[in-house]
C-alpha atoms as a PDB file:
ATOM      1  CA  MET A   1       0.002   0.005   0.001  1.00  0.00           C
ATOM      2  CA  HIS A   2       1.491   3.301  -1.090  1.00  0.00           C
ATOM      3  CA  PRO A   3       1.196   6.333   1.178  1.00  0.00           C
ATOM      4  CA  VAL A   4      -1.199   8.982  -0.059  1.00  0.00           C
ATOM      5  CA  ALA A   5       0.433  12.355  -0.589  1.00  0.00           C
ATOM      6  CA  PRO A   6      -1.251  15.128   1.368  1.00  0.00           C
ATOM      7  CA  PRO A   7      -3.135  17.677  -0.708  1.00  0.00           C
ATOM      8  CA  PRO A   8      -1.278  20.905  -1.435  1.00  0.00           C
ATOM      9  CA  PRO A   9      -2.077  23.793   0.898  1.00  0.00           C
ATOM     10  CA  PHE A  10      -5.026  25.891  -0.163  1.00  0.00           C
ATOM     11  CA  LEU A  11      -2.997  29.125  -0.193  1.00  0.00           C
ATOM     12  CA  ALA A  12       0.190  29.166  -2.224  1.00  0.00           C
ATOM     13  CA  ARG A  13       0.944  32.779  -1.392  1.00  0.00           C
ATOM     14  CA  VAL A  14      -0.522  35.429   0.905  1.00  0.00           C
ATOM     15  CA  GLU A  15       0.912  38.908   1.363  1.00  0.00           C
ATOM     16  CA  ARG A  16      -0.438  41.844   3.325  1.00  0.00           C
ATOM     17  CA  PHE A  17       0.371  45.414   2.347  1.00  0.00           C
ATOM     18  CA  GLU A  18      -0.366  48.627   4.166  1.00  0.00           C
ATOM     19  CA  ARG A  19      -0.827  50.473   0.867  1.00  0.00           C
ATOM     20  CA  VAL A  20      -0.696  49.427  -2.803  1.00  0.00           C
ATOM     21  CA  GLY A  21      -1.973  50.752  -6.098  1.00  0.00           C
ATOM     22  CA  SER A  22      -4.344  47.852  -6.832  1.00  0.00           C
ATOM     23  CA  THR A  23      -4.438  44.390  -5.265  1.00  0.00           C
ATOM     24  CA  ASN A  24      -5.834  43.027  -8.539  1.00  0.00           C
ATOM     25  CA  ASP A  25      -2.738  44.292 -10.352  1.00  0.00           C
ATOM     26  CA  VAL A  26      -0.459  42.741  -7.712  1.00  0.00           C
ATOM     27  CA  VAL A  27      -2.075  39.318  -8.058  1.00  0.00           C
ATOM     28  CA  ARG A  28      -2.178  39.512 -11.851  1.00  0.00           C
ATOM     29  CA  ASP A  29       1.563  40.134 -11.842  1.00  0.00           C
ATOM     30  CA  TRP A  30       2.092  37.131  -9.557  1.00  0.00           C
ATOM     31  CA  LEU A  31       0.126  34.876 -11.878  1.00  0.00           C
ATOM     32  CA  ASP A  32       2.014  36.193 -14.910  1.00  0.00           C
ATOM     33  CA  GLN A  33       5.256  35.307 -13.099  1.00  0.00           C
ATOM     34  CA  GLY A  34       4.117  31.736 -12.473  1.00  0.00           C
ATOM     35  CA  THR A  35       2.771  31.878  -8.910  1.00  0.00           C
ATOM     36  CA  PRO A  36       0.424  28.898  -8.418  1.00  0.00           C
ATOM     37  CA  GLU A  37      -3.106  29.188  -7.164  1.00  0.00           C
ATOM     38  CA  VAL A  38      -4.521  30.223  -4.788  1.00  0.00           C
ATOM     39  CA  CYS A  39      -2.715  33.491  -4.134  1.00  0.00           C
ATOM     40  CA  VAL A  40      -4.032  36.408  -2.111  1.00  0.00           C
ATOM     41  CA  ALA A  41      -2.980  40.031  -1.761  1.00  0.00           C
ATOM     42  CA  VAL A  42      -4.524  42.123   1.018  1.00  0.00           C
ATOM     43  CA  ALA A  43      -4.162  45.868   1.506  1.00  0.00           C
ATOM     44  CA  GLY A  44      -5.155  48.387   4.125  1.00  0.00           C
ATOM     45  CA  GLU A  45      -5.500  51.016   1.412  1.00  0.00           C
ATOM     46  CA  GLN A  46      -5.433  51.198  -2.382  1.00  0.00           C
ATOM     47  CA  THR A  47      -4.309  54.259  -4.286  1.00  0.00           C
ATOM     48  CA  ALA A  48      -5.521  53.004  -7.674  1.00  0.00           C
ATOM     49  CA  GLY A  49      -8.295  50.579  -6.713  1.00  0.00           C
ATOM     50  CA  ARG A  50     -11.065  50.112  -9.228  1.00  0.00           C
ATOM     51  CA  GLY A  51     -14.509  48.619  -9.572  1.00  0.00           C
ATOM     52  CA  ARG A  52     -16.610  47.782 -12.605  1.00  0.00           C
ATOM     53  CA  HIS A  53     -16.383  50.092 -15.627  1.00  0.00           C
ATOM     54  CA  GLY A  54     -13.027  51.330 -14.291  1.00  0.00           C
ATOM     55  CA  ARG A  55     -14.632  53.279 -11.487  1.00  0.00           C
ATOM     56  CA  ALA A  56     -12.318  54.302  -8.660  1.00  0.00           C
ATOM     57  CA  TRP A  57     -12.572  52.346  -5.416  1.00  0.00           C
ATOM     58  CA  GLN A  58     -11.255  54.265  -2.435  1.00  0.00           C
ATOM     59  CA  ALA A  59     -11.544  53.865   1.320  1.00  0.00           C
ATOM     60  CA  PRO A  60      -9.593  55.382   4.212  1.00  0.00           C
ATOM     61  CA  LEU A  61      -6.685  53.385   5.581  1.00  0.00           C
ATOM     62  CA  GLY A  62      -8.013  50.549   7.751  1.00  0.00           C
ATOM     63  CA  ALA A  63     -11.689  51.238   7.038  1.00  0.00           C
ATOM     64  CA  ALA A  64     -12.163  48.404   4.522  1.00  0.00           C
ATOM     65  CA  LEU A  65     -10.882  44.926   3.855  1.00  0.00           C
ATOM     66  CA  LEU A  66      -9.384  44.996   0.365  1.00  0.00           C
ATOM     67  CA  ALA A  67      -8.261  41.690  -1.102  1.00  0.00           C
ATOM     68  CA  SER A  68      -7.653  39.997  -4.444  1.00  0.00           C
ATOM     69  CA  ILE A  69      -7.587  36.259  -5.028  1.00  0.00           C
ATOM     70  CA  GLY A  70      -5.755  34.619  -7.916  1.00  0.00           C
ATOM     71  CA  PHE A  71      -6.844  31.333  -9.505  1.00  0.00           C
ATOM     72  CA  ARG A  72      -5.511  29.113 -12.259  1.00  0.00           C
ATOM     73  CA  PRO A  73      -8.798  27.445 -13.132  1.00  0.00           C
ATOM     74  CA  GLY A  74      -7.694  24.804 -15.621  1.00  0.00           C
ATOM     75  CA  TRP A  75     -10.091  22.586 -13.688  1.00  0.00           C
ATOM     76  CA  LEU A  76     -13.097  24.784 -14.499  1.00  0.00           C
ATOM     77  CA  ALA A  77     -14.867  25.119 -17.848  1.00  0.00           C
ATOM     78  CA  PRO A  78     -14.322  28.625 -19.264  1.00  0.00           C
ATOM     79  CA  ASP A  79     -18.062  29.339 -19.356  1.00  0.00           C
ATOM     80  CA  ARG A  80     -18.203  28.615 -15.611  1.00  0.00           C
ATOM     81  CA  ALA A  81     -15.404  31.004 -14.673  1.00  0.00           C
ATOM     82  CA  TRP A  82     -17.976  33.500 -13.383  1.00  0.00           C
ATOM     83  CA  ARG A  83     -18.562  31.090 -10.503  1.00  0.00           C
ATOM     84  CA  LEU A  84     -15.216  32.075  -9.005  1.00  0.00           C
ATOM     85  CA  SER A  85     -16.534  35.599  -8.418  1.00  0.00           C
ATOM     86  CA  ALA A  86     -19.719  34.067  -7.040  1.00  0.00           C
ATOM     87  CA  ILE A  87     -17.970  31.877  -4.469  1.00  0.00           C
ATOM     88  CA  VAL A  88     -15.819  34.817  -3.365  1.00  0.00           C
ATOM     89  CA  ALA A  89     -19.017  36.843  -2.803  1.00  0.00           C
ATOM     90  CA  LEU A  90     -20.741  33.992  -0.971  1.00  0.00           C
ATOM     91  CA  ALA A  91     -17.719  33.294   1.236  1.00  0.00           C
ATOM     92  CA  MET A  92     -17.579  36.958   2.211  1.00  0.00           C
ATOM     93  CA  CYS A  93     -21.325  37.032   2.974  1.00  0.00           C
ATOM     94  CA  ASP A  94     -20.877  34.119   5.370  1.00  0.00           C
ATOM     95  CA  ALA A  95     -17.761  35.547   6.995  1.00  0.00           C
ATOM     96  CA  ALA A  96     -19.135  39.076   7.311  1.00  0.00           C
ATOM     97  CA  GLU A  97     -22.367  37.924   8.949  1.00  0.00           C
ATOM     98  CA  ASP A  98     -20.331  35.920  11.452  1.00  0.00           C
ATOM     99  CA  ALA A  99     -17.906  38.771  12.181  1.00  0.00           C
ATOM    100  CA  ALA A 100     -20.729  41.263  12.736  1.00  0.00           C
ATOM    101  CA  GLY A 101     -23.029  38.889  14.614  1.00  0.00           C
ATOM    102  CA  LEU A 102     -25.734  39.187  11.961  1.00  0.00           C
ATOM    103  CA  PRO A 103     -28.351  36.521  11.216  1.00  0.00           C
ATOM    104  CA  VAL A 104     -27.638  34.283   8.257  1.00  0.00           C
ATOM    105  CA  GLY A 105     -29.101  35.817   5.104  1.00  0.00           C
ATOM    106  CA  SER A 106     -28.800  39.439   6.278  1.00  0.00           C
ATOM    107  CA  ILE A 107     -26.314  40.256   3.533  1.00  0.00           C
ATOM    108  CA  ARG A 108     -27.722  40.002   0.022  1.00  0.00           C
ATOM    109  CA  LEU A 109     -26.321  40.040  -3.527  1.00  0.00           C
ATOM    110  CA  LYS A 110     -27.269  42.692  -6.092  1.00  0.00           C
ATOM    111  CA  TRP A 111     -26.546  41.324  -9.539  1.00  0.00           C
ATOM    112  CA  PRO A 112     -23.916  41.094 -10.767  1.00  0.00           C
ATOM    113  CA  ASN A 113     -21.313  41.933  -8.162  1.00  0.00           C
ATOM    114  CA  ASP A 114     -22.432  43.922  -5.098  1.00  0.00           C
ATOM    115  CA  LEU A 115     -22.971  42.808  -1.513  1.00  0.00           C
ATOM    116  CA  VAL A 116     -25.778  44.861  -0.004  1.00  0.00           C
ATOM    117  CA  VAL A 117     -28.014  45.096   3.026  1.00  0.00           C
ATOM    118  CA  GLU A 118     -31.653  46.185   3.059  1.00  0.00           C
ATOM    119  CA  THR A 119     -32.126  49.233   5.257  1.00  0.00           C
ATOM    120  CA  ALA A 120     -33.953  52.467   5.808  1.00  0.00           C
ATOM    121  CA  GLY A 121     -30.670  54.029   6.900  1.00  0.00           C
ATOM    122  CA  PRO A 122     -27.044  53.026   7.509  1.00  0.00           C
ATOM    123  CA  ARG A 123     -27.977  51.223  10.760  1.00  0.00           C
ATOM    124  CA  ALA A 124     -31.655  50.316  10.185  1.00  0.00           C
ATOM    125  CA  LEU A 125     -30.818  46.809   9.085  1.00  0.00           C
ATOM    126  CA  LEU A 126     -33.712  44.484   8.415  1.00  0.00           C
ATOM    127  CA  THR A 127     -33.141  40.760   8.959  1.00  0.00           C
ATOM    128  CA  GLY A 128     -35.182  37.645   8.513  1.00  0.00           C
ATOM    129  CA  VAL A 129     -37.604  39.066   5.916  1.00  0.00           C
ATOM    130  CA  ARG A 130     -37.433  38.076   2.242  1.00  0.00           C
ATOM    131  CA  ASP A 131     -40.566  39.780   0.920  1.00  0.00           C
ATOM    132  CA  ALA A 132     -39.845  43.344  -0.125  1.00  0.00           C
ATOM    133  CA  ASP A 133     -43.346  44.706   0.651  1.00  0.00           C
ATOM    134  CA  GLU A 134     -43.316  43.198   4.131  1.00  0.00           C
ATOM    135  CA  ALA A 135     -39.830  44.564   4.681  1.00  0.00           C
ATOM    136  CA  ALA A 136     -40.848  48.130   3.920  1.00  0.00           C
ATOM    137  CA  ALA A 137     -43.938  47.833   6.108  1.00  0.00           C
ATOM    138  CA  ARG A 138     -41.949  46.553   9.080  1.00  0.00           C
ATOM    139  CA  LEU A 139     -39.319  49.261   8.792  1.00  0.00           C
ATOM    140  CA  GLY A 140     -41.963  51.965   8.489  1.00  0.00           C
ATOM    141  CA  ALA A 141     -39.800  53.742   5.933  1.00  0.00           C
ATOM    142  CA  PRO A 142     -38.858  53.400   2.277  1.00  0.00           C
ATOM    143  CA  LEU A 143     -36.603  50.399   1.789  1.00  0.00           C
ATOM    144  CA  SER A 144     -33.258  50.755   0.060  1.00  0.00           C
ATOM    145  CA  LEU A 145     -30.284  48.579  -0.737  1.00  0.00           C
ATOM    146  CA  ARG A 146     -27.084  50.000   0.702  1.00  0.00           C
ATOM    147  CA  LYS A 147     -23.801  48.793  -0.756  1.00  0.00           C
ATOM    148  CA  LEU A 148     -21.527  46.962   1.638  1.00  0.00           C
ATOM    149  CA  ALA A 149     -18.968  45.473  -0.760  1.00  0.00           C
ATOM    150  CA  GLY A 150     -18.086  45.120  -4.421  1.00  0.00           C
ATOM    151  CA  VAL A 151     -16.538  42.266  -6.371  1.00  0.00           C
ATOM    152  CA  LEU A 152     -14.514  42.613  -9.568  1.00  0.00           C
ATOM    153  CA  GLY A 153     -13.499  39.543 -11.593  1.00  0.00           C
ATOM    154  CA  GLU A 154     -10.883  39.784 -14.332  1.00  0.00           C
ATOM    155  CA  SER A 155      -9.687  36.916 -16.510  1.00  0.00           C
ATOM    156  CA  ASP A 156      -7.081  36.111 -19.109  1.00  0.00           C
ATOM    157  CA  GLY A 157      -6.330  33.015 -21.142  1.00  0.00           C
ATOM    158  CA  LEU A 158      -9.592  31.191 -20.490  1.00  0.00           C
ATOM    159  CA  GLY A 159      -9.790  28.127 -22.697  1.00  0.00           C
ATOM    160  CA  THR A 160      -5.994  27.949 -23.046  1.00  0.00           C
ATOM    161  CA  ALA A 161      -3.341  25.965 -21.206  1.00  0.00           C
ATOM    162  CA  ASN A 162      -2.674  28.965 -18.947  1.00  0.00           C
ATOM    163  CA  PRO A 163      -6.002  30.349 -17.666  1.00  0.00           C
ATOM    164  CA  ARG A 164      -5.812  33.058 -15.008  1.00  0.00           C
ATOM    165  CA  VAL A 165      -8.576  34.674 -13.003  1.00  0.00           C
ATOM    166  CA  VAL A 166      -8.250  37.433 -10.425  1.00  0.00           C
ATOM    167  CA  VAL A 167     -11.209  38.244  -8.197  1.00  0.00           C
ATOM    168  CA  GLY A 168     -10.975  41.429  -6.152  1.00  0.00           C
ATOM    169  CA  ILE A 169     -13.302  42.226  -3.265  1.00  0.00           C
ATOM    170  CA  GLY A 170     -13.538  45.344  -1.161  1.00  0.00           C
ATOM    171  CA  ILE A 171     -15.849  45.371   1.866  1.00  0.00           C
ATOM    172  CA  ASN A 172     -16.544  48.381   4.042  1.00  0.00           C
ATOM    173  CA  ALA A 173     -15.575  46.818   7.348  1.00  0.00           C
ATOM    174  CA  ASP A 174     -14.767  49.201  10.216  1.00  0.00           C
ATOM    175  CA  TRP A 175     -15.918  52.406   8.493  1.00  0.00           C
ATOM    176  CA  VAL A 176     -17.917  54.803  10.675  1.00  0.00           C
ATOM    177  CA  ALA A 177     -20.978  56.387   9.025  1.00  0.00           C
ATOM    178  CA  ASP A 178     -19.926  59.891  10.014  1.00  0.00           C
ATOM    179  CA  ASP A 179     -16.861  59.436   7.785  1.00  0.00           C
ATOM    180  CA  PHE A 180     -18.686  58.211   4.663  1.00  0.00           C
ATOM    181  CA  PRO A 181     -18.008  60.368   1.575  1.00  0.00           C
ATOM    182  CA  ASN A 182     -20.740  62.974   1.076  1.00  0.00           C
ATOM    183  CA  GLY A 183     -21.586  61.809  -2.408  1.00  0.00           C
ATOM    184  CA  LEU A 184     -21.989  58.166  -1.356  1.00  0.00           C
ATOM    185  CA  ALA A 185     -23.335  58.354   2.183  1.00  0.00           C
ATOM    186  CA  GLY A 186     -26.913  57.833   1.023  1.00  0.00           C
ATOM    187  CA  SER A 187     -26.171  54.602  -0.849  1.00  0.00           C
ATOM    188  CA  MET A 188     -23.490  52.855   1.203  1.00  0.00           C
ATOM    189  CA  THR A 189     -23.045  51.263   4.602  1.00  0.00           C
ATOM    190  CA  SER A 190     -20.373  49.328   6.448  1.00  0.00           C
ATOM    191  CA  LEU A 191     -20.219  46.130   8.429  1.00  0.00           C
ATOM    192  CA  ARG A 192     -19.648  48.212  11.568  1.00  0.00           C
ATOM    193  CA  GLU A 193     -22.818  50.200  10.980  1.00  0.00           C
ATOM    194  CA  ALA A 194     -24.810  47.042  10.112  1.00  0.00           C
ATOM    195  CA  ALA A 195     -23.616  45.638  13.450  1.00  0.00           C
ATOM    196  CA  GLY A 196     -25.064  48.630  15.288  1.00  0.00           C
ATOM    197  CA  GLY A 197     -21.753  50.452  15.636  1.00  0.00           C
ATOM    198  CA  ARG A 198     -19.726  47.548  17.008  1.00  0.00           C
ATOM    199  CA  PRO A 199     -16.085  47.672  15.859  1.00  0.00           C
ATOM    200  CA  ILE A 200     -15.051  45.086  13.241  1.00  0.00           C
ATOM    201  CA  ASP A 201     -11.614  43.482  13.209  1.00  0.00           C
ATOM    202  CA  PRO A 202     -10.524  43.278   9.529  1.00  0.00           C
ATOM    203  CA  ALA A 203      -7.914  40.613  10.329  1.00  0.00           C
ATOM    204  CA  ALA A 204     -10.504  38.317  11.898  1.00  0.00           C
ATOM    205  CA  LEU A 205     -12.842  39.001   8.979  1.00  0.00           C
ATOM    206  CA  LEU A 206     -10.087  38.002   6.539  1.00  0.00           C
ATOM    207  CA  ASP A 207      -9.408  34.760   8.400  1.00  0.00           C
ATOM    208  CA  GLY A 208     -13.076  33.831   8.383  1.00  0.00           C
ATOM    209  CA  PHE A 209     -13.353  34.677   4.712  1.00  0.00           C
ATOM    210  CA  LEU A 210     -10.357  32.551   3.692  1.00  0.00           C
ATOM    211  CA  ASP A 211     -11.655  29.578   5.698  1.00  0.00           C
ATOM    212  CA  ARG A 212     -14.989  29.734   3.911  1.00  0.00           C
ATOM    213  CA  LEU A 213     -13.401  30.366   0.533  1.00  0.00           C
ATOM    214  CA  GLU A 214     -11.261  27.260   0.947  1.00  0.00           C
ATOM    215  CA  ALA A 215     -14.352  25.102   1.466  1.00  0.00           C
ATOM    216  CA  ARG A 216     -16.225  26.667  -1.446  1.00  0.00           C
ATOM    217  CA  THR A 217     -13.236  26.373  -3.776  1.00  0.00           C
ATOM    218  CA  ALA A 218     -12.772  22.703  -2.867  1.00  0.00           C
ATOM    219  CA  ALA A 219     -16.442  22.083  -3.610  1.00  0.00           C
ATOM    220  CA  LEU A 220     -16.262  23.889  -6.941  1.00  0.00           C
ATOM    221  CA  ARG A 221     -13.255  21.767  -7.911  1.00  0.00           C
ATOM    222  CA  THR A 222     -15.469  18.681  -7.556  1.00  0.00           C
ATOM    223  CA  GLY A 223     -18.156  20.264  -9.750  1.00  0.00           C
ATOM    224  CA  TYR A 224     -20.420  21.488  -6.947  1.00  0.00           C
ATOM    225  CA  PHE A 225     -21.631  25.079  -6.963  1.00  0.00           C
ATOM    226  CA  ASP A 226     -23.935  26.359  -4.215  1.00  0.00           C
ATOM    227  CA  HIS A 227     -26.650  27.398  -6.616  1.00  0.00           C
ATOM    228  CA  ALA A 228     -29.344  27.381  -3.913  1.00  0.00           C
ATOM    229  CA  GLY A 229     -27.332  29.665  -1.656  1.00  0.00           C
ATOM    230  CA  TRP A 230     -26.511  31.980  -4.521  1.00  0.00           C
ATOM    231  CA  VAL A 231     -30.157  32.223  -5.589  1.00  0.00           C
ATOM    232  CA  GLU A 232     -31.385  32.705  -2.032  1.00  0.00           C
ATOM    233  CA  ARG A 233     -29.193  35.763  -1.472  1.00  0.00           C
ATOM    234  CA  GLN A 234     -30.276  37.610  -4.627  1.00  0.00           C
ATOM    235  CA  ALA A 235     -31.781  40.967  -3.674  1.00  0.00           C
ATOM    236  CA  THR A 236     -33.142  41.793  -7.109  1.00  0.00           C
ATOM    237  CA  THR A 237     -35.455  38.822  -7.591  1.00  0.00           C
ATOM    238  CA  GLY A 238     -39.103  39.854  -7.854  1.00  0.00           C
ATOM    239  CA  ARG A 239     -38.308  43.545  -8.137  1.00  0.00           C
ATOM    240  CA  LEU A 240     -38.361  46.175 -10.831  1.00  0.00           C
ATOM    241  CA  VAL A 241     -34.839  47.122 -11.854  1.00  0.00           C
ATOM    242  CA  SER A 242     -33.164  49.475 -14.280  1.00  0.00           C
ATOM    243  CA  LEU A 243     -30.092  48.188 -16.100  1.00  0.00           C
ATOM    244  CA  GLU A 244     -27.086  50.063 -17.370  1.00  0.00           C
ATOM    245  CA  ALA A 245     -25.227  48.632 -20.339  1.00  0.00           C
ATOM    246  CA  LEU A 246     -21.472  48.050 -20.317  1.00  0.00           C
ATOM    247  CA  ASP A 247     -21.166  50.076 -23.521  1.00  0.00           C
ATOM    248  CA  PRO A 248     -20.261  53.637 -22.474  1.00  0.00           C
ATOM    249  CA  ALA A 249     -21.987  54.925 -25.633  1.00  0.00           C
ATOM    250  CA  ALA A 250     -25.341  53.487 -24.509  1.00  0.00           C
ATOM    251  CA  ALA A 251     -27.956  56.074 -23.624  1.00  0.00           C
ATOM    252  CA  GLY A 252     -28.356  55.624 -19.865  1.00  0.00           C
ATOM    253  CA  PRO A 253     -30.328  53.061 -17.853  1.00  0.00           C
ATOM    254  CA  SER A 254     -32.948  50.896 -19.518  1.00  0.00           C
ATOM    255  CA  ALA A 255     -36.667  51.090 -18.987  1.00  0.00           C
ATOM    256  CA  PRO A 256     -37.574  49.106 -15.864  1.00  0.00           C
ATOM    257  CA  VAL A 257     -37.696  45.335 -16.190  1.00  0.00           C
ATOM    258  CA  ARG A 258     -38.794  42.771 -13.633  1.00  0.00           C
ATOM    259  CA  ALA A 259     -35.986  40.563 -12.309  1.00  0.00           C
ATOM    260  CA  LEU A 260     -37.186  36.956 -12.166  1.00  0.00           C
ATOM    261  CA  GLY A 261     -33.999  35.402 -10.859  1.00  0.00           C
ATOM    262  CA  VAL A 262     -30.551  34.276 -11.963  1.00  0.00           C
ATOM    263  CA  ASP A 263     -29.505  31.535 -14.329  1.00  0.00           C
ATOM    264  CA  ALA A 264     -27.338  28.826 -12.761  1.00  0.00           C
ATOM    265  CA  GLY A 265     -25.647  27.900 -16.016  1.00  0.00           C
ATOM    266  CA  THR A 266     -24.520  31.284 -17.213  1.00  0.00           C
ATOM    267  CA  GLY A 267     -24.771  33.603 -14.211  1.00  0.00           C
ATOM    268  CA  ALA A 268     -27.076  35.831 -16.235  1.00  0.00           C
ATOM    269  CA  LEU A 269     -29.930  37.875 -14.771  1.00  0.00           C
ATOM    270  CA  VAL A 270     -33.330  36.574 -15.885  1.00  0.00           C
ATOM    271  CA  VAL A 271     -35.771  39.420 -16.599  1.00  0.00           C
ATOM    272  CA  GLU A 272     -39.077  40.130 -18.266  1.00  0.00           C
ATOM    273  CA  ASP A 273     -40.211  43.442 -19.690  1.00  0.00           C
ATOM    274  CA  ALA A 274     -42.452  45.136 -17.126  1.00  0.00           C
ATOM    275  CA  ALA A 275     -44.779  46.263 -19.918  1.00  0.00           C
ATOM    276  CA  ALA A 276     -44.873  42.825 -21.567  1.00  0.00           C
ATOM    277  CA  PRO A 277     -44.855  40.036 -18.967  1.00  0.00           C
ATOM    278  CA  SER A 278     -44.066  36.494 -20.131  1.00  0.00           C
ATOM    279  CA  ARG A 279     -41.321  37.737 -22.458  1.00  0.00           C
ATOM    280  CA  GLU A 280     -38.295  36.431 -20.593  1.00  0.00           C
ATOM    281  CA  ARG A 281     -34.718  37.111 -21.583  1.00  0.00           C
ATOM    282  CA  LEU A 282     -31.225  36.712 -20.164  1.00  0.00           C
ATOM    283  CA  VAL A 283     -28.992  39.675 -19.391  1.00  0.00           C
ATOM    284  CA  HIS A 284     -25.378  38.543 -19.522  1.00  0.00           C
ATOM    285  CA  ALA A 285     -23.613  41.856 -19.001  1.00  0.00           C
ATOM    286  CA  GLY A 286     -24.545  45.144 -17.453  1.00  0.00           C
ATOM    287  CA  GLU A 287     -25.299  46.570 -14.042  1.00  0.00           C
ATOM    288  CA  VAL A 288     -28.414  47.019 -11.931  1.00  0.00           C
ATOM    289  CA  VAL A 289     -28.466  50.740 -11.163  1.00  0.00           C
ATOM    290  CA  HIS A 290     -31.897  51.087  -9.589  1.00  0.00           C
ATOM    291  CA  VAL A 291     -34.054  48.651  -7.615  1.00  0.00           C
ATOM    292  CA  ARG A 292     -37.570  49.207  -6.362  1.00  0.00           C
ATOM    293  CA  LEU A 293     -40.478  47.188  -5.101  1.00  0.00           C
ATOM    294  CA  ALA A 294     -42.535  45.549  -7.815  1.00  0.00           C
ATOM    295  CA  ALA A 295     -45.634  46.920  -6.083  1.00  0.00           C
ATOM    296  CA  GLU A 296     -44.524  50.441  -6.936  1.00  0.00           C
ATOM    297  CA  GLY A 297     -45.304  49.833 -10.610  1.00  0.00           C
ATOM    298  CA  VAL A 298     -43.407  50.991 -13.622  1.00  0.00           C
END
């Protein structure tokens, strides 16, 4: 009987920086230089951080957990590469709820890449309610989705012998509401505020995140994706949404459509035209820029 070699460690490389330009760029350079998966760069501050559409991502030093994770997904079909961003988001949802003492399911996903909480203010967090109309009634105030974190996936070489994927995530961790930027204070929150003002330890949050990411990555390697968990956390399902195209030449957000759910095979948002129900279609790229209760009408 031959001894069985132990599996390689989950993390091939982890480095923590006080300040970098972009953790995604750091990890991309590592992968280009041959660093194996999984590699992680963490920063206390980014000077050239970015989100979708090249938007700047900035947070004061120590206020957010900023990390990028590098994969070499030769074990994953190219049309399933989007699931790497999904498991990063799900792992952070689990870890963040644990770190802040929030009930499971408190943190939701706004297609395609945002972690949000449903509130009537930075601290008026609603938990345990999935129906949007009931949620608004119980809060006694208009319901809104406040952004807690963003995820940015970037890939290169998919379908080749050298596929590389970098998934960056930035979560507002120990950021106090009084210090939110004026232009964003009405649409953002932090884990500290969602926890009622209790301080959040970014290092403990990172440890919890990596533990959960390890389990979800191992499962994905075997072909299992937590579709049910991903669907359950979607905040847009059953609501009227406006979509913004990726094309910068497009003329603003679309007319409202009703979000019916998400497609497990492609990661696309499933919608129907609000003015013509029963006409379903898949939205593969874009961004939800406005969400409202279906009961509000078009």
